[in-house]
């Protein structure tokens, strides 16, 4: 299992942690979108961060949707994730380009922007979805998810995500971790952790050296100081099938479908999550209209 997410707790019972590796998944994601190095970096951070947040606050078949809209040139970032390790998402402007930062890194903060909000909608199944919203802090995504966890979930946490992408948009590594405090953690414990995080080697550097999610946590807390509770495989959601899109089209007003048929003789749909094009020709669109008409819809 190359791509995985682990849940763990420190032996002293003061912190819980989630760590993730999703390099192969991100390589697949990079093939879906005609995206820039910066666009893939933004999307990757959002996908990995959302997976960790979902596994921290959801259970069972619950899922969440995260929307990040900072009015930056990248546009809106949208992600859906589940507690089962499935995820998908897109960046409105995946081709976004900006000069590298003074440290030679993709300028995620300015691409995302901070003039807006991070919204998290939790779907509990039978219950009404619940949405929490926080103002964007830095646009770096990991920082903003950290702020969300503390502000909306009341769980002090540190979220670190890293997606190393070559200039040709090839994904090299993708991983991260999230550490949250437990009730027994003292102010001194938290301060000590903050010091460790401030001096922690870059995640991408450690992953290039072959470190696994478990290794990342051991490097942070110390060897044999962390107990892994569970491991979950990380995957993209299955692609939406054409017949599902047909059902979506059937929810449109009959007059709107008839107008599309008369003017365009069919319809083209672009799957925002995969970049793939789904075509319904004149006959297929006519069949959807006939079905709605026959059922009095």
Protein backbone atom coordinates (compact mmCIF):
# COMPACT_ATOMS: atom_id res chain seq x y z
CA UNK A 1 0.00 0.00 0.00
CA UNK A 2 2.03 2.97 -1.24
CA UNK A 3 -0.56 5.67 -0.55
CA UNK A 4 -1.87 5.52 2.98
CA UNK A 5 -3.02 7.50 5.98
CA UNK A 6 -2.22 6.45 9.53
CA UNK A 7 -3.86 7.50 12.78
CA UNK A 8 -1.72 7.44 15.88
CA UNK A 9 -1.41 8.60 19.48
CA UNK A 10 1.67 9.40 21.50
CA UNK A 11 2.50 6.94 24.26
CA UNK A 12 2.14 9.68 26.88
CA UNK A 13 -1.46 10.27 25.76
CA UNK A 14 -0.92 13.98 25.13
CA UNK A 15 -1.18 14.18 21.35
CA UNK A 16 -2.96 12.37 18.56
CA UNK A 17 -1.58 12.46 15.06
CA UNK A 18 -2.44 11.67 11.47
CA UNK A 19 0.19 11.26 8.79
CA UNK A 20 -0.25 10.67 5.08
CA UNK A 21 1.62 9.73 1.94
CA UNK A 22 -0.20 10.20 -1.37
CA UNK A 23 2.50 10.55 -4.00
CA UNK A 24 1.03 8.03 -6.44
CA UNK A 25 -2.46 9.52 -6.09
CA UNK A 26 -1.12 13.00 -6.79
CA UNK A 27 0.73 11.75 -9.86
CA UNK A 28 -2.64 10.56 -11.17
CA UNK A 29 -4.30 13.86 -10.27
CA UNK A 30 -1.62 15.73 -12.21
CA UNK A 31 -2.61 13.85 -15.37
CA UNK A 32 -6.25 14.94 -15.01
CA UNK A 33 -5.67 18.66 -15.15
CA UNK A 34 -3.74 20.80 -17.61
CA UNK A 35 -2.23 22.49 -14.58
CA UNK A 36 0.87 24.48 -13.79
CA UNK A 37 3.41 23.56 -11.14
CA UNK A 38 1.69 26.06 -8.86
CA UNK A 39 -1.81 24.75 -9.67
CA UNK A 40 -0.87 21.15 -8.82
CA UNK A 41 0.86 22.28 -5.62
CA UNK A 42 -2.27 24.13 -4.47
CA UNK A 43 -4.60 21.25 -5.32
CA UNK A 44 -2.31 18.70 -3.70
CA UNK A 45 -2.09 20.61 -0.44
CA UNK A 46 -5.86 20.95 -0.36
CA UNK A 47 -6.45 17.25 -1.11
CA UNK A 48 -4.00 15.99 1.51
CA UNK A 49 -5.10 18.50 4.14
CA UNK A 50 -8.77 17.66 3.56
CA UNK A 51 -8.10 13.93 3.92
CA UNK A 52 -6.43 14.48 7.28
CA UNK A 53 -9.14 16.81 8.55
CA UNK A 54 -11.88 14.42 7.45
CA UNK A 55 -10.20 11.56 9.28
CA UNK A 56 -9.85 13.69 12.39
CA UNK A 57 -13.47 14.86 12.66
CA UNK A 58 -15.60 12.34 10.72
CA UNK A 59 -16.51 8.71 11.19
CA UNK A 60 -18.12 5.91 9.19
CA UNK A 61 -19.60 6.99 5.87
CA UNK A 62 -19.57 10.70 6.69
CA UNK A 63 -17.91 13.08 4.25
CA UNK A 64 -17.02 16.73 4.00
CA UNK A 65 -16.59 19.39 1.36
CA UNK A 66 -14.00 22.14 1.70
CA UNK A 67 -14.12 25.37 -0.26
CA UNK A 68 -11.22 27.84 -0.19
CA UNK A 69 -11.86 31.18 -1.85
CA UNK A 70 -9.31 33.89 -1.17
CA UNK A 71 -9.96 35.94 -4.33
CA UNK A 72 -6.49 35.10 -5.61
CA UNK A 73 -5.57 34.31 -9.23
CA UNK A 74 -5.94 30.56 -8.61
CA UNK A 75 -9.66 31.08 -8.03
CA UNK A 76 -11.69 28.81 -5.79
CA UNK A 77 -10.32 25.50 -4.52
CA UNK A 78 -12.96 22.80 -3.96
CA UNK A 79 -12.37 19.41 -2.31
CA UNK A 80 -14.58 16.52 -1.20
CA UNK A 81 -13.18 13.93 1.22
CA UNK A 82 -14.39 11.05 3.36
CA UNK A 83 -13.35 9.27 6.53
CA UNK A 84 -12.76 6.22 4.30
CA UNK A 85 -9.74 7.80 2.61
CA UNK A 86 -11.41 8.94 -0.62
CA UNK A 87 -10.94 12.41 -2.04
CA UNK A 88 -11.37 14.55 -5.15
CA UNK A 89 -11.05 18.21 -5.95
CA UNK A 90 -10.20 20.96 -8.38
CA UNK A 91 -8.76 24.45 -8.67
CA UNK A 92 -10.84 26.87 -10.73
CA UNK A 93 -7.75 28.20 -12.53
CA UNK A 94 -5.30 25.26 -12.49
CA UNK A 95 -2.96 27.00 -14.96
CA UNK A 96 -2.20 29.80 -12.50
CA UNK A 97 1.40 31.02 -12.60
CA UNK A 98 3.30 33.43 -10.36
CA UNK A 99 7.01 34.06 -9.78
CA UNK A 100 8.61 31.78 -7.20
CA UNK A 101 8.95 33.07 -3.65
CA UNK A 102 12.34 34.43 -2.47
CA UNK A 103 12.97 30.92 -1.08
CA UNK A 104 12.40 29.42 -4.52
CA UNK A 105 9.03 27.87 -3.66
CA UNK A 106 5.69 28.01 -5.55
CA UNK A 107 3.83 31.09 -4.27
CA UNK A 108 0.73 29.31 -2.93
CA UNK A 109 -0.20 32.13 -0.55
CA UNK A 110 -0.52 34.83 -3.19
CA UNK A 111 -2.13 32.46 -5.70
CA UNK A 112 -4.86 31.49 -3.23
CA UNK A 113 -5.17 34.90 -1.59
CA UNK A 114 -6.49 35.85 1.85
CA UNK A 115 -9.48 38.03 0.98
CA UNK A 116 -12.07 35.39 1.72
CA UNK A 117 -12.97 32.27 3.64
CA UNK A 118 -12.35 28.58 4.14
CA UNK A 119 -15.66 26.75 4.45
CA UNK A 120 -16.14 23.17 5.61
CA UNK A 121 -19.48 21.44 5.06
CA UNK A 122 -19.95 18.14 6.91
CA UNK A 123 -22.45 15.64 5.52
CA UNK A 124 -23.67 13.28 8.23
CA UNK A 125 -26.02 11.35 5.94
CA UNK A 126 -29.59 11.59 7.19
CA UNK A 127 -28.96 14.84 9.05
CA UNK A 128 -28.82 18.29 7.52
CA UNK A 129 -25.29 19.24 6.40
CA UNK A 130 -23.46 21.57 8.78
CA UNK A 131 -21.11 24.29 7.51
CA UNK A 132 -18.35 26.00 9.48
CA UNK A 133 -16.45 28.96 8.08
CA UNK A 134 -13.29 30.84 9.03
CA UNK A 135 -11.45 33.75 7.46
CA UNK A 136 -8.32 32.80 5.54
CA UNK A 137 -5.16 33.51 7.50
CA UNK A 138 -2.22 33.05 5.12
CA UNK A 139 -3.52 31.30 2.00
CA UNK A 140 -0.93 28.55 2.54
CA UNK A 141 -3.76 26.01 3.07
CA UNK A 142 -2.04 24.11 5.89
CA UNK A 143 -2.09 27.24 8.08
CA UNK A 144 -5.72 27.88 7.20
CA UNK A 145 -6.77 24.33 8.05
CA UNK A 146 -4.88 24.70 11.33
CA UNK A 147 -6.90 27.82 12.09
CA UNK A 148 -10.14 26.08 11.13
CA UNK A 149 -9.45 23.16 13.47
CA UNK A 150 -8.84 25.50 16.41
CA UNK A 151 -11.61 27.99 15.67
CA UNK A 152 -14.49 25.83 14.41
CA UNK A 153 -13.71 22.37 15.78
CA UNK A 154 -12.16 23.61 19.04
CA UNK A 155 -9.27 21.18 18.53
CA UNK A 156 -5.85 22.88 18.72
CA UNK A 157 -3.87 21.33 15.88
CA UNK A 158 -0.96 21.79 13.55
CA UNK A 159 -1.50 20.84 9.90
CA UNK A 160 1.56 20.44 7.66
CA UNK A 161 1.20 19.48 4.00
CA UNK A 162 3.86 19.19 1.32
CA UNK A 163 3.58 18.54 -2.41
CA UNK A 164 6.86 18.68 -4.30
CA UNK A 165 6.22 19.33 -7.98
CA UNK A 166 8.80 19.75 -10.74
CA UNK A 167 8.50 22.76 -13.09
CA UNK A 168 7.01 20.44 -15.75
CA UNK A 169 4.14 19.64 -13.29
CA UNK A 170 5.48 16.18 -12.46
CA UNK A 171 4.72 15.24 -8.86
CA UNK A 172 7.80 14.04 -6.93
CA UNK A 173 6.45 13.59 -3.39
CA UNK A 174 3.20 14.31 -1.56
CA UNK A 175 2.67 13.90 2.15
CA UNK A 176 2.02 15.56 5.47
CA UNK A 177 0.83 15.23 9.03
CA UNK A 178 -1.58 16.74 11.51
CA UNK A 179 -0.99 16.80 15.25
CA UNK A 180 -3.80 17.62 17.69
CA UNK A 181 -3.68 18.15 21.44
CA UNK A 182 -5.41 15.84 23.88
CA UNK A 183 -6.75 16.95 27.30
CA UNK A 184 -3.62 15.80 29.18
CA UNK A 185 -1.31 18.07 27.16
CA UNK A 186 0.03 20.94 29.27
CA UNK A 187 1.11 24.37 28.08
CA UNK A 188 4.70 23.19 28.47
CA UNK A 189 4.01 20.13 26.29
CA UNK A 190 2.47 22.31 23.59
CA UNK A 191 5.35 24.78 23.70
CA UNK A 192 7.85 21.94 23.36
CA UNK A 193 5.97 20.59 20.34
CA UNK A 194 5.89 24.04 18.74
CA UNK A 195 9.67 24.25 19.11
CA UNK A 196 10.06 20.87 17.43
CA UNK A 197 7.76 21.88 14.58
CA UNK A 198 9.68 25.13 14.05
CA UNK A 199 12.89 23.17 13.50
CA UNK A 200 11.42 20.10 11.80
CA UNK A 201 13.09 19.18 8.48
CA UNK A 202 11.03 19.71 5.33
CA UNK A 203 8.54 16.91 4.76
CA UNK A 204 9.54 16.62 1.10
CA UNK A 205 13.21 16.21 2.08
CA UNK A 206 12.34 13.40 4.48
CA UNK A 207 10.12 11.69 1.92
CA UNK A 208 12.87 11.86 -0.70
CA UNK A 209 15.03 10.00 1.82
CA UNK A 210 12.41 7.25 1.95
CA UNK A 211 10.66 8.13 5.20
CA UNK A 212 7.13 6.77 5.59
CA UNK A 213 4.19 8.41 7.43
CA UNK A 214 5.17 6.45 10.56
CA UNK A 215 8.74 7.68 10.19
CA UNK A 216 7.58 11.29 10.03
CA UNK A 217 5.81 10.92 13.37
CA UNK A 218 8.76 9.07 14.90
CA UNK A 219 11.06 11.84 13.74
CA UNK A 220 8.78 14.38 15.39
CA UNK A 221 8.05 12.66 18.71
CA UNK A 222 10.91 10.20 19.03
CA UNK A 223 11.40 6.54 18.21
CA UNK A 224 8.88 4.22 19.87
CA UNK A 225 6.99 7.19 21.32
CA UNK A 226 4.04 6.80 18.92
CA UNK A 227 1.45 4.04 18.70
CA UNK A 228 -0.24 3.54 15.31
CA UNK A 229 -3.95 2.92 15.81
CA UNK A 230 -5.09 2.31 12.23
CA UNK A 231 -4.05 2.52 8.60
CA UNK A 232 -6.32 3.55 5.72
CA UNK A 233 -5.65 3.31 2.00
CA UNK A 234 -5.87 6.65 0.21
CA UNK A 235 -7.74 6.78 -3.12
CA UNK A 236 -9.49 9.14 -5.47
CA UNK A 237 -13.26 8.85 -5.60
CA UNK A 238 -14.45 6.72 -8.53
CA UNK A 239 -15.11 8.75 -11.66
CA UNK A 240 -18.71 9.86 -12.17
CA UNK A 241 -20.27 7.59 -14.78
CA UNK A 242 -22.07 8.89 -17.85
CA UNK A 243 -25.42 7.49 -16.69
CA UNK A 244 -25.03 9.50 -13.49
CA UNK A 245 -24.57 12.65 -15.55
CA UNK A 246 -27.70 11.67 -17.47
CA UNK A 247 -29.62 11.59 -14.20
CA UNK A 248 -28.25 15.03 -13.34
CA UNK A 249 -29.36 16.39 -16.71
CA UNK A 250 -32.82 14.94 -16.10
CA UNK A 251 -33.18 17.21 -13.08
CA UNK A 252 -33.07 20.30 -15.33
CA UNK A 253 -36.37 21.91 -16.35
CA UNK A 254 -37.89 20.34 -19.45
CA UNK A 255 -38.00 23.69 -21.25
CA UNK A 256 -34.27 24.21 -20.62
CA UNK A 257 -33.41 20.80 -22.05
CA UNK A 258 -35.59 21.43 -25.10
CA UNK A 259 -33.85 24.75 -25.66
CA UNK A 260 -30.42 23.09 -25.49
CA UNK A 261 -31.58 20.44 -27.96
CA UNK A 262 -32.94 23.01 -30.41
CA UNK A 263 -29.93 25.34 -30.27
CA UNK A 264 -26.96 23.01 -29.71
CA UNK A 265 -28.28 19.56 -30.76
CA UNK A 266 -26.50 18.03 -27.75
CA UNK A 267 -24.48 18.99 -24.72
CA UNK A 268 -20.87 18.77 -23.58
CA UNK A 269 -20.06 18.42 -19.87
CA UNK A 270 -16.58 18.86 -18.41
CA UNK A 271 -15.93 16.89 -15.22
CA UNK A 272 -14.21 19.46 -12.99
CA UNK A 273 -12.61 16.72 -10.90
CA UNK A 274 -10.95 14.83 -13.76
CA UNK A 275 -10.94 17.28 -16.66
CA UNK A 276 -12.64 14.68 -18.84
CA UNK A 277 -15.32 15.63 -21.38
CA UNK A 278 -18.66 13.81 -21.42
CA UNK A 279 -20.76 14.28 -24.58
CA UNK A 280 -24.48 13.71 -25.01
CA UNK A 281 -25.43 13.77 -28.68
CA UNK A 282 -28.81 14.78 -30.11
CA UNK A 283 -30.32 11.31 -29.78
CA UNK A 284 -29.15 10.88 -26.17
CA UNK A 285 -30.47 14.28 -25.15
CA UNK A 286 -33.76 13.55 -26.91
CA UNK A 287 -34.06 10.31 -24.92
CA UNK A 288 -33.64 12.21 -21.64
CA UNK A 289 -36.29 14.70 -22.70
CA UNK A 290 -38.68 11.92 -23.77
CA UNK A 291 -38.23 10.18 -20.41
CA UNK A 292 -39.00 13.38 -18.50
CA UNK A 293 -41.99 14.10 -20.75
CA UNK A 294 -43.35 10.57 -20.32
CA UNK A 295 -43.16 10.89 -16.55
CA UNK A 296 -44.74 14.31 -16.52
CA UNK A 297 -41.60 15.98 -15.14
